[in-house]
């Protein structure tokens, strides 16, 4: 971990972590998964829940901005929802 980075959130699965990182990066906030090697019981390709979760790290100076982005309510566009 970079010395000036801090923990933003711990999520249950690698999939959730990857989506969260993509969201933050779409807002120009650098983000990384922690390096705790949580691969689940099915190996490194496993994206389900892990016993320790997956922590997202962001630069400390961008923490408040990242928290605000995660707090924003999100809705799917109408054309994505089934009729």
C-alpha atoms as a PDB file:
ATOM      1  CA  UNK A   1       0.000   0.000   0.000  1.00  0.00           C
ATOM      2  CA  UNK A   2       1.126   3.516  -0.685  1.00  0.00           C
ATOM      3  CA  UNK A   3       1.976   5.425   2.485  1.00  0.00           C
ATOM      4  CA  UNK A   4      -0.462   8.227   1.664  1.00  0.00           C
ATOM      5  CA  UNK A   5      -3.401   5.935   0.820  1.00  0.00           C
ATOM      6  CA  UNK A   6      -6.178   4.951   3.211  1.00  0.00           C
ATOM      7  CA  UNK A   7      -8.998   2.440   3.489  1.00  0.00           C
ATOM      8  CA  UNK A   8     -12.301   3.567   1.965  1.00  0.00           C
ATOM      9  CA  UNK A   9     -14.540   0.514   2.383  1.00  0.00           C
ATOM     10  CA  UNK A  10     -14.383  -3.261   2.796  1.00  0.00           C
ATOM     11  CA  UNK A  11     -16.724  -5.211   0.533  1.00  0.00           C
ATOM     12  CA  UNK A  12     -17.814  -8.843   0.630  1.00  0.00           C
ATOM     13  CA  UNK A  13     -16.547  -9.897  -2.801  1.00  0.00           C
ATOM     14  CA  UNK A  14     -13.950  -9.197  -5.443  1.00  0.00           C
ATOM     15  CA  UNK A  15     -16.714  -8.473  -7.941  1.00  0.00           C
ATOM     16  CA  UNK A  16     -18.115  -5.678  -5.757  1.00  0.00           C
ATOM     17  CA  UNK A  17     -14.607  -4.311  -5.288  1.00  0.00           C
ATOM     18  CA  UNK A  18     -13.935  -4.256  -9.035  1.00  0.00           C
ATOM     19  CA  UNK A  19     -17.210  -2.417  -9.723  1.00  0.00           C
ATOM     20  CA  UNK A  20     -16.461   0.099  -6.961  1.00  0.00           C
ATOM     21  CA  UNK A  21     -12.962   0.736  -8.301  1.00  0.00           C
ATOM     22  CA  UNK A  22     -14.380   1.294 -11.797  1.00  0.00           C
ATOM     23  CA  UNK A  23     -16.895   3.795 -10.404  1.00  0.00           C
ATOM     24  CA  UNK A  24     -14.182   5.718  -8.552  1.00  0.00           C
ATOM     25  CA  UNK A  25     -11.860   5.706 -11.559  1.00  0.00           C
ATOM     26  CA  UNK A  26     -14.728   7.038 -13.715  1.00  0.00           C
ATOM     27  CA  UNK A  27     -14.650  10.044 -11.371  1.00  0.00           C
ATOM     28  CA  UNK A  28     -10.841  10.333 -11.741  1.00  0.00           C
ATOM     29  CA  UNK A  29     -10.165   8.978  -8.255  1.00  0.00           C
ATOM     30  CA  UNK A  30      -7.364   6.404  -8.199  1.00  0.00           C
ATOM     31  CA  UNK A  31      -8.315   3.264  -6.290  1.00  0.00           C
ATOM     32  CA  UNK A  32      -6.797  -0.140  -5.558  1.00  0.00           C
ATOM     33  CA  UNK A  33      -7.794  -3.400  -3.904  1.00  0.00           C
ATOM     34  CA  UNK A  34      -5.819  -4.337  -0.821  1.00  0.00           C
ATOM     35  CA  UNK A  35      -3.100  -6.899  -1.285  1.00  0.00           C
ATOM     36  CA  UNK A  36      -4.434  -9.430   1.223  1.00  0.00           C
ATOM     37  CA  UNK A  37      -4.589 -12.209  -1.384  1.00  0.00           C
ATOM     38  CA  UNK A  38      -8.241 -13.089  -0.825  1.00  0.00           C
ATOM     39  CA  UNK A  39      -8.918 -15.552  -3.605  1.00  0.00           C
ATOM     40  CA  UNK A  40     -11.787 -17.481  -2.073  1.00  0.00           C
ATOM     41  CA  UNK A  41     -12.018 -21.242  -1.928  1.00  0.00           C
ATOM     42  CA  UNK A  42     -12.153 -21.693  -5.708  1.00  0.00           C
ATOM     43  CA  UNK A  43      -8.853 -20.025  -6.666  1.00  0.00           C
ATOM     44  CA  UNK A  44      -7.753 -16.670  -8.093  1.00  0.00           C
ATOM     45  CA  UNK A  45     -10.594 -16.412 -10.628  1.00  0.00           C
ATOM     46  CA  UNK A  46     -13.214 -16.581  -7.873  1.00  0.00           C
ATOM     47  CA  UNK A  47     -15.201 -13.341  -7.511  1.00  0.00           C
ATOM     48  CA  UNK A  48     -17.643 -14.343  -4.757  1.00  0.00           C
ATOM     49  CA  UNK A  49     -17.643 -13.544  -1.062  1.00  0.00           C
ATOM     50  CA  UNK A  50     -14.485 -14.066   0.968  1.00  0.00           C
ATOM     51  CA  UNK A  51     -14.073 -14.492   4.706  1.00  0.00           C
ATOM     52  CA  UNK A  52     -12.058 -11.273   5.106  1.00  0.00           C
ATOM     53  CA  UNK A  53     -13.667  -9.199   2.393  1.00  0.00           C
ATOM     54  CA  UNK A  54     -11.845  -6.949  -0.061  1.00  0.00           C
ATOM     55  CA  UNK A  55     -10.761  -3.483   1.050  1.00  0.00           C
ATOM     56  CA  UNK A  56     -10.673  -0.553  -1.371  1.00  0.00           C
ATOM     57  CA  UNK A  57      -7.861   1.953  -0.892  1.00  0.00           C
ATOM     58  CA  UNK A  58      -7.789   5.555  -2.129  1.00  0.00           C
ATOM     59  CA  UNK A  59      -5.381   8.465  -1.690  1.00  0.00           C
ATOM     60  CA  UNK A  60      -5.983   9.968   1.758  1.00  0.00           C
ATOM     61  CA  UNK A  61      -6.464  13.441   0.287  1.00  0.00           C
ATOM     62  CA  UNK A  62      -9.334  12.091  -1.888  1.00  0.00           C
ATOM     63  CA  UNK A  63     -11.093  10.098   0.871  1.00  0.00           C
ATOM     64  CA  UNK A  64     -13.977  12.545   1.465  1.00  0.00           C
ATOM     65  CA  UNK A  65     -14.619  12.841  -2.273  1.00  0.00           C
ATOM     66  CA  UNK A  66     -14.635   9.048  -2.678  1.00  0.00           C
ATOM     67  CA  UNK A  67     -17.015   8.645   0.275  1.00  0.00           C
ATOM     68  CA  UNK A  68     -19.393  11.179  -1.282  1.00  0.00           C
ATOM     69  CA  UNK A  69     -19.389   9.299  -4.597  1.00  0.00           C
ATOM     70  CA  UNK A  70     -20.236   6.013  -2.887  1.00  0.00           C
ATOM     71  CA  UNK A  71     -23.017   7.716  -0.908  1.00  0.00           C
ATOM     72  CA  UNK A  72     -24.766   9.001  -4.058  1.00  0.00           C
ATOM     73  CA  UNK A  73     -27.949   7.066  -4.866  1.00  0.00           C
ATOM     74  CA  UNK A  74     -27.783   5.246  -8.192  1.00  0.00           C
ATOM     75  CA  UNK A  75     -30.580   4.171 -10.513  1.00  0.00           C
ATOM     76  CA  UNK A  76     -30.543   2.089 -13.660  1.00  0.00           C
ATOM     77  CA  UNK A  77     -31.588   3.846 -16.867  1.00  0.00           C
ATOM     78  CA  UNK A  78     -35.145   3.034 -17.958  1.00  0.00           C
ATOM     79  CA  UNK A  79     -33.937   1.145 -21.026  1.00  0.00           C
ATOM     80  CA  UNK A  80     -32.054  -1.335 -18.802  1.00  0.00           C
ATOM     81  CA  UNK A  81     -35.010  -2.356 -16.655  1.00  0.00           C
ATOM     82  CA  UNK A  82     -37.251  -5.196 -17.876  1.00  0.00           C
ATOM     83  CA  UNK A  83     -40.755  -4.268 -18.913  1.00  0.00           C
END
